[in-house]
Protein backbone atom coordinates (compact mmCIF):
# COMPACT_ATOMS: atom_id res chain seq x y z
CA MET A 1 77.42 66.70 96.72
CA ALA A 2 77.26 66.88 92.91
CA SER A 3 73.59 66.74 91.92
CA SER A 4 73.98 66.99 88.12
CA ILE A 5 76.37 65.86 85.39
CA GLU A 6 77.62 69.47 85.08
CA GLU A 7 78.56 69.57 88.76
CA LEU A 8 80.25 66.19 88.35
CA TYR A 9 82.41 67.62 85.57
CA ILE A 10 83.33 70.51 87.84
CA LYS A 11 84.32 68.04 90.55
CA LEU A 12 86.44 65.99 88.10
CA VAL A 13 88.26 69.08 86.88
CA GLN A 14 88.78 70.19 90.47
CA MET A 15 90.20 66.80 91.43
CA GLY A 16 92.57 66.82 88.47
CA ILE A 17 93.91 70.25 89.41
CA VAL A 18 94.26 69.27 93.06
CA LEU A 19 96.17 66.11 92.06
CA ILE A 20 98.68 68.24 90.15
CA LEU A 21 99.01 70.61 93.10
CA LEU A 22 99.43 67.73 95.53
CA ALA A 23 102.21 66.28 93.38
CA TYR A 24 103.92 69.67 93.31
CA PHE A 25 103.65 70.12 97.07
CA LEU A 26 105.04 66.63 97.67
CA TYR A 27 107.91 67.40 95.33
CA ARG A 28 108.81 70.62 97.14
CA ARG A 29 108.29 69.00 100.55
CA TYR A 30 110.78 66.20 99.95
CA LYS A 31 113.17 67.79 97.45
CA ASP A 32 113.60 71.16 99.16
CA LYS A 33 112.72 69.93 102.68
CA ILE A 34 110.07 72.65 103.08
CA VAL A 35 108.48 71.24 106.21
CA GLY A 36 105.67 73.79 106.10
CA PHE A 37 104.23 71.97 103.10
CA SER A 38 103.32 69.01 105.32
CA TRP A 39 100.08 70.80 106.25
CA PHE A 40 99.17 71.39 102.64
CA THR A 41 100.01 67.90 101.39
CA ALA A 42 97.67 66.57 104.08
CA LEU A 43 95.01 69.19 103.22
CA PHE A 44 95.02 68.51 99.49
CA GLY A 45 95.24 64.76 100.12
CA THR A 46 91.98 64.88 102.06
CA ILE A 47 90.39 66.95 99.28
CA ILE A 48 91.32 64.17 96.82
CA LEU A 49 89.82 61.57 99.16
CA GLN A 50 86.64 63.61 99.47
CA SER A 51 86.38 63.95 95.68
CA ILE A 52 86.82 60.22 95.14
CA ILE A 53 84.04 59.40 97.61
CA GLU A 54 81.75 62.04 96.14
CA ILE A 55 82.27 60.85 92.56
CA SER A 56 81.79 57.20 93.51
CA LEU A 57 78.43 58.05 95.12
CA PHE A 58 77.20 60.09 92.15
CA PHE A 59 76.53 57.20 89.76
CA PRO A 60 74.43 54.93 92.03
CA THR A 61 72.41 58.02 92.95
CA GLN A 62 71.73 58.87 89.31
CA ALA A 63 70.91 55.24 88.50
CA GLY A 64 68.30 55.14 91.23
CA HIS A 65 70.21 52.66 93.38
CA LEU A 66 70.67 55.25 96.13
CA ASN A 67 68.25 57.81 97.52
CA PRO A 68 69.52 61.23 96.29
CA THR A 69 68.62 62.74 99.68
CA SER A 70 70.28 59.98 101.70
CA SER A 71 72.58 60.99 104.55
CA ILE A 72 75.11 58.42 103.32
CA GLN A 73 76.11 60.91 100.63
CA GLU A 74 77.33 63.28 103.33
CA ILE A 75 80.05 60.81 104.31
CA HIS A 76 82.36 62.47 101.79
CA MET A 77 82.43 65.51 104.10
CA ILE A 78 84.21 63.66 106.92
CA PRO A 79 87.67 64.00 105.27
CA SER A 80 86.91 67.72 104.86
CA VAL A 81 86.21 68.03 108.57
CA PHE A 82 89.68 66.73 109.43
CA ALA A 83 91.23 68.88 106.70
CA LEU A 84 89.58 71.97 108.18
CA PHE A 85 90.82 71.04 111.64
CA GLY A 86 94.36 70.66 110.28
CA LEU A 87 94.06 74.04 108.56
CA PHE A 88 92.93 75.54 111.86
CA LEU A 89 96.07 74.18 113.56
CA TYR A 90 98.24 75.61 110.80
CA PHE A 91 96.88 79.12 111.31
CA GLU A 92 97.22 78.76 115.08
CA TYR A 93 100.86 77.74 114.70
CA ILE A 94 101.49 80.84 112.59
CA ARG A 95 100.57 82.95 115.61
CA HIS A 96 101.46 80.81 118.64
CA GLU A 97 103.76 78.07 119.80
CA LYS A 98 100.66 76.06 120.65
CA PRO A 99 96.97 76.62 119.78
CA ASN A 100 94.85 78.95 121.86
CA SER A 101 93.06 76.74 124.42
CA PHE A 102 89.62 78.27 123.90
CA LEU A 103 89.78 78.17 120.09
CA LEU A 104 91.17 74.63 120.15
CA ALA A 105 88.33 73.50 122.41
CA PHE A 106 85.77 75.18 120.15
CA ALA A 107 87.20 73.64 116.96
CA SER A 108 87.47 70.19 118.59
CA THR A 109 83.89 70.43 119.82
CA LEU A 110 82.64 71.24 116.32
CA VAL A 111 84.58 68.31 114.83
CA GLY A 112 83.30 65.88 117.46
CA ALA A 113 79.75 67.23 117.23
CA TYR A 114 79.67 66.91 113.44
CA ILE A 115 80.83 63.29 113.40
CA THR A 116 78.52 62.29 116.27
CA VAL A 117 75.42 64.02 114.88
CA TYR A 118 76.12 62.76 111.36
CA PHE A 119 76.13 59.12 112.39
CA ILE A 120 73.05 59.63 114.59
CA GLU A 121 71.21 61.11 111.61
CA LEU A 122 72.43 58.29 109.40
CA ALA A 123 71.27 55.67 111.91
CA LEU A 124 67.84 57.31 112.28
CA THR A 125 67.39 57.45 108.48
CA LEU A 126 65.80 60.90 108.60
CA GLU A 127 65.64 61.22 104.83
CA PRO A 128 63.59 62.10 102.92
CA ALA A 129 61.59 63.73 105.74
CA VAL A 130 64.44 66.13 106.50
CA ALA A 131 66.01 67.94 103.54
CA PRO A 132 69.84 68.02 103.47
CA GLU A 133 70.05 71.76 104.13
CA TYR A 134 68.03 71.30 107.36
CA ARG A 135 70.19 68.55 108.82
CA ILE A 136 72.03 69.55 111.97
CA SER A 137 75.25 67.84 110.89
CA ARG A 138 75.47 69.97 107.74
CA ILE A 139 74.85 73.15 109.75
CA ILE A 140 77.63 72.18 112.17
CA TYR A 141 79.97 71.49 109.25
CA ASN A 142 79.28 74.89 107.71
CA ILE A 143 79.87 76.60 111.08
CA LEU A 144 83.24 74.81 111.35
CA GLN A 145 84.10 75.83 107.82
CA ALA A 146 83.15 79.46 108.45
CA PHE A 147 85.10 79.46 111.73
CA VAL A 148 88.34 78.15 110.17
CA LEU A 149 88.19 80.32 107.05
CA GLY A 150 87.19 83.32 109.15
CA GLU A 151 90.27 82.84 111.33
CA ALA A 152 92.40 82.47 108.19
CA MET A 153 90.98 85.69 106.77
CA TYR A 154 91.74 87.47 110.07
CA VAL A 155 95.34 86.16 110.15
CA PHE A 156 96.07 87.27 106.59
CA TYR A 157 94.30 90.61 107.02
CA ARG A 158 96.31 91.32 110.16
CA ASP A 159 99.51 90.48 108.31
CA ALA A 160 98.55 92.68 105.37
CA THR A 161 98.00 95.68 107.64
CA LYS A 162 100.91 95.24 110.04
CA VAL A 163 103.88 93.66 108.27
CA ASP A 164 106.87 95.79 107.35
CA TYR A 165 107.78 94.23 104.05
CA ARG A 166 105.93 94.95 100.79
CA LYS A 167 106.22 91.44 99.33
CA LEU A 168 104.68 89.84 102.38
CA ARG A 169 101.93 92.46 102.40
CA ARG A 170 100.98 91.74 98.78
CA ILE A 171 100.70 88.01 99.25
CA SER A 172 98.80 88.49 102.51
CA ILE A 173 96.26 90.68 100.67
CA ALA A 174 95.79 87.97 98.02
CA MET A 175 95.25 85.35 100.69
CA THR A 176 92.84 87.60 102.57
CA ILE A 177 90.73 87.81 99.42
CA ALA A 178 90.99 84.05 98.85
CA THR A 179 89.95 83.04 102.35
CA GLY A 180 87.32 85.80 102.38
CA ILE A 181 85.61 84.19 99.39
CA GLY A 182 85.53 80.84 101.18
CA PHE A 183 84.34 82.45 104.43
CA LEU A 184 81.42 84.23 102.74
CA ALA A 185 80.44 81.02 100.94
CA ALA A 186 80.51 79.09 104.23
CA VAL A 187 78.36 81.71 105.96
CA PHE A 188 75.90 81.60 103.06
CA LYS A 189 75.71 77.80 103.36
CA ILE A 190 74.84 78.12 107.07
CA PHE A 191 71.69 80.06 106.18
CA GLU A 192 70.99 78.14 102.99
CA ARG A 193 67.83 76.57 104.41
CA TRP A 194 66.24 80.03 104.69
CA THR A 195 67.55 81.50 101.43
CA VAL A 196 66.17 78.51 99.50
CA GLN A 197 62.72 79.24 100.90
CA ILE A 198 62.96 82.87 99.76
CA ASN A 199 64.33 82.03 96.33
CA PRO A 200 65.05 78.44 95.15
CA ASN A 201 67.66 79.83 92.76
CA LEU A 202 69.75 81.19 95.65
CA GLN A 203 71.84 78.03 95.84
CA ILE A 204 75.55 77.70 95.20
CA TYR A 205 77.57 74.59 94.49
CA GLY A 206 80.16 74.78 97.27
CA ALA A 207 82.95 73.31 95.12
CA ILE A 208 83.11 76.51 93.04
CA PRO A 209 83.92 79.18 95.71
CA PHE A 210 86.08 76.81 97.71
CA SER A 211 87.99 75.84 94.55
CA ILE A 212 88.69 79.55 94.04
CA THR A 213 89.87 79.86 97.65
CA PHE A 214 92.28 76.94 97.56
CA GLY A 215 93.30 77.77 93.99
CA ILE A 216 94.55 81.21 95.00
CA LEU A 217 96.36 79.74 98.01
CA ALA A 218 97.98 77.11 95.80
CA ILE A 219 99.10 79.64 93.18
CA ALA A 220 100.59 81.85 95.88
CA PHE A 221 102.63 78.96 97.28
CA ILE A 222 103.67 77.71 93.84
CA PHE A 223 105.27 81.04 92.94
CA ASN A 224 106.49 81.71 96.49
CA PRO A 225 106.97 78.27 98.12
CA TYR A 226 108.75 79.56 101.20
CA TYR A 227 105.79 81.79 101.98
CA VAL A 228 104.26 78.64 103.44
CA TYR A 229 106.05 79.72 106.63
CA LEU A 230 104.25 83.10 106.55
CA LEU A 231 106.40 84.92 109.05
CA PRO A 232 104.86 88.31 109.83
CA THR A 233 106.96 88.45 112.96
CA LYS A 234 109.95 90.75 113.10
CA ILE A 235 113.28 88.90 112.88
CA ASN A 236 116.09 91.05 114.26
CA LYS A 237 119.16 88.84 114.06
CA ILE A 238 120.39 85.38 113.03
CA ILE A 239 123.56 83.96 114.59
CA ILE A 240 125.30 80.60 114.07
CA PHE A 241 128.14 79.24 116.15
CA ASN A 242 129.74 75.82 116.72
CA ASP A 243 130.26 73.71 119.83
CA ALA A 244 133.55 75.48 120.53
CA GLY A 245 131.69 78.81 120.74
CA ILE A 246 133.25 80.11 117.49
CA LEU A 247 130.98 82.53 115.63
CA LEU A 248 130.42 81.19 112.11
CA PHE A 249 127.78 83.54 110.74
CA SER A 250 125.88 86.60 111.91
CA VAL A 251 123.37 88.73 110.07
CA ARG A 252 121.21 91.63 111.18
CA ILE A 253 117.84 92.11 109.46
CA GLY A 254 116.82 95.75 109.15
CA ARG A 255 119.04 98.76 108.62
CA ASP A 256 117.54 100.58 111.57
CA GLU A 257 117.79 97.66 113.98
CA PRO A 258 119.81 98.36 117.13
CA GLU A 259 122.90 96.37 117.98
CA PHE A 260 122.38 93.54 120.45
CA GLY A 261 125.90 93.55 121.82
CA GLU A 262 128.79 91.23 121.04
CA ASP A 263 127.58 88.21 119.05
CA THR A 264 130.01 85.84 120.77
CA LEU A 265 128.32 86.59 124.10
CA PHE A 266 125.22 84.71 122.94
CA SER A 267 127.10 81.44 122.66
CA GLY A 268 128.23 81.87 126.27
CA ILE A 269 124.68 82.66 127.38
CA VAL A 270 123.28 79.53 125.71
CA THR A 271 126.07 77.33 127.10
CA ALA A 272 125.54 78.73 130.59
CA LEU A 273 121.77 78.17 130.39
CA ARG A 274 122.26 74.58 129.27
CA SER A 275 124.60 73.93 132.19
CA LEU A 276 122.26 75.63 134.66
CA ILE A 277 119.25 73.59 133.51
CA ALA A 278 121.25 70.37 133.57
CA GLU A 279 122.52 71.02 137.11
CA THR A 280 119.21 72.18 138.58
CA THR A 281 116.92 69.64 136.93
CA GLY A 282 119.27 66.74 136.37
CA THR A 283 118.25 66.54 132.70
CA LYS A 284 120.05 67.34 129.47
CA GLY A 285 117.10 68.41 127.40
CA GLU A 286 117.41 70.57 124.31
CA LEU A 287 117.18 74.32 124.86
CA ARG A 288 114.59 75.70 122.40
CA LYS A 289 113.86 79.28 123.41
CA VAL A 290 114.55 82.05 125.88
CA SER A 291 112.13 84.92 126.51
CA PHE A 292 113.14 88.37 127.70
CA ARG A 293 110.51 91.12 127.72
CA ASP A 294 109.23 91.63 124.17
CA LYS A 295 112.02 89.60 122.52
CA LYS A 296 112.44 85.87 121.99
CA LEU A 297 115.65 83.96 121.50
CA LEU A 298 114.99 80.80 119.48
CA VAL A 299 117.63 78.07 119.70
CA VAL A 300 118.00 75.37 117.03
CA GLU A 301 120.73 72.75 117.34
CA ASN A 302 122.17 70.39 114.76
CA LEU A 303 123.94 67.84 116.90
CA GLU A 304 125.38 65.97 113.93
CA LYS A 305 127.20 69.04 112.60
CA HIS A 306 127.80 70.50 116.09
CA ILE A 307 126.31 73.89 115.33
CA THR A 308 123.63 76.05 116.96
CA THR A 309 121.44 78.71 115.37
CA LEU A 310 120.07 81.62 117.38
CA ILE A 311 117.28 83.81 116.06
CA ILE A 312 116.36 87.00 117.91
CA CYS A 313 112.78 87.94 117.06
CA ASP A 314 109.40 89.06 118.37
CA SER A 315 107.63 85.68 118.34
CA ASP A 316 108.07 82.07 119.35
CA SER A 317 105.40 80.72 116.99
CA LYS A 318 105.64 77.11 115.92
CA ILE A 319 105.94 78.08 112.26
CA LEU A 320 108.94 80.31 113.02
CA GLN A 321 110.59 77.46 114.95
CA ILE A 322 110.04 75.17 111.95
CA ALA A 323 111.48 77.80 109.60
CA ALA A 324 114.48 78.25 111.92
CA LYS A 325 115.13 74.51 111.79
CA HIS A 326 114.81 74.58 108.01
CA PHE A 327 117.37 77.39 107.87
CA THR A 328 119.76 75.43 110.11
CA ASP A 329 119.40 72.23 108.07
CA SER A 330 119.95 74.18 104.83
CA PHE A 331 123.08 75.78 106.32
CA CYS A 332 124.44 72.36 107.30
CA ALA A 333 123.68 70.90 103.87
CA LYS A 334 125.38 73.77 102.04
CA PHE A 335 128.51 73.79 104.20
CA SER A 336 128.65 70.10 105.11
CA LYS A 337 132.20 69.50 103.90
CA VAL A 338 133.48 72.78 105.37
CA LEU A 339 132.03 71.93 108.77
CA GLU A 340 133.57 68.44 108.73
CA ARG A 341 137.05 69.91 108.05
CA PHE A 342 136.65 73.22 109.82
CA ASP A 343 140.00 75.01 110.13
CA GLY A 344 138.85 78.22 111.78
CA THR A 345 138.19 80.15 108.56
CA VAL A 346 134.70 81.67 108.74
CA SER A 347 134.62 83.88 105.64
CA ILE A 348 133.19 81.01 103.57
CA PHE A 349 130.01 81.14 105.65
CA ASP A 350 129.20 84.63 104.34
CA GLU A 351 127.40 82.83 101.52
CA ALA A 352 124.74 81.83 104.06
CA SER A 353 123.06 85.15 103.32
CA ASP A 354 121.63 83.40 100.25
CA ILE A 355 119.90 80.90 102.57
CA VAL A 356 118.43 83.79 104.58
CA ARG A 357 116.97 85.26 101.38
CA ARG A 358 115.53 81.90 100.33
CA VAL A 359 113.98 80.77 103.61
CA PHE A 360 112.77 84.28 104.49
CA PRO A 361 112.02 85.52 100.94
CA PHE A 362 109.92 88.52 101.94
CA VAL A 363 112.93 90.26 103.53
CA PRO A 364 114.36 92.82 101.04
CA PRO A 365 118.02 92.02 100.23
CA GLU A 366 119.08 95.49 101.32
CA GLU A 367 117.67 94.77 104.80
CA ILE A 368 120.05 91.83 105.33
CA ILE A 369 123.12 93.38 106.95
CA GLN A 370 126.21 91.20 107.30
CA ASP A 371 127.88 91.67 110.69
């Protein structure tokens, strides 16, 4: 909470910058259909809401109409709690198809505990007997913040050390630094009640380090918008065929990647699996993925254009599935008229390599091998 006019100015500047970023993210989300930006439009939207509440509470506090130590001022942190939970889900979906059960339970418990304890403290009117830094709700919030940003730092650090491509490594290093700043600030805030006793000057206005954290993330996504998908997983092959089983496009990613056999066989495999599932279960559900040993076969269908995309890779993470759908939709948009009047000529679809480079921008062009 801003406690001085200087901190208020910092908050106003922060809100102005976040508004610009939010407008940009909304523009890219709906113009370029970058579904991954949905997380960040929600995240920055909650930051705006938090700022509005915080600013609106500043003036009655300064005018003496509101106790400056009142728990009511902490209400502006509730939007942040939900933003942090959404950010946690985003980082889980980078790694998994669904969140890890233990981590999801832990994050949910922290969210529920914060909201419950906050309203109990507000109802008991503990101020001014209990200073803000000693309130249990604030400690829980800082633990949640440290947990989410710590996981983010781990995800980006792992990517920076393990990914094959230089561009992805560079941006992962930048994001590791960004989330590391926020993580250290959150940890410091957890122990703030003790550091203040040692030295009253050992206080930090949280808006500053967290503005740096989200500022670096925003800059990274502005200059590399498709990095919002953050795909450290290894993609081996992308194949597109139509309902008739005709191969429209096939690309291998990586010069040293082994051949996976005849591409047209994959259309037969998918068709056979659909028929088998329909006959054995009596349902005609959409086939989304097939797992075999250390490889995954992701399946994305566009029923309107009657095409199917197959991606052979090492992961079935939710983010990769979203990126695969984005690739498929972009392919259909680019070749819409060709697909409607398809005459069997497939050479026109070679231009889809440009979509591969755009949706998966960290893959060096020389690694995209046309089959």
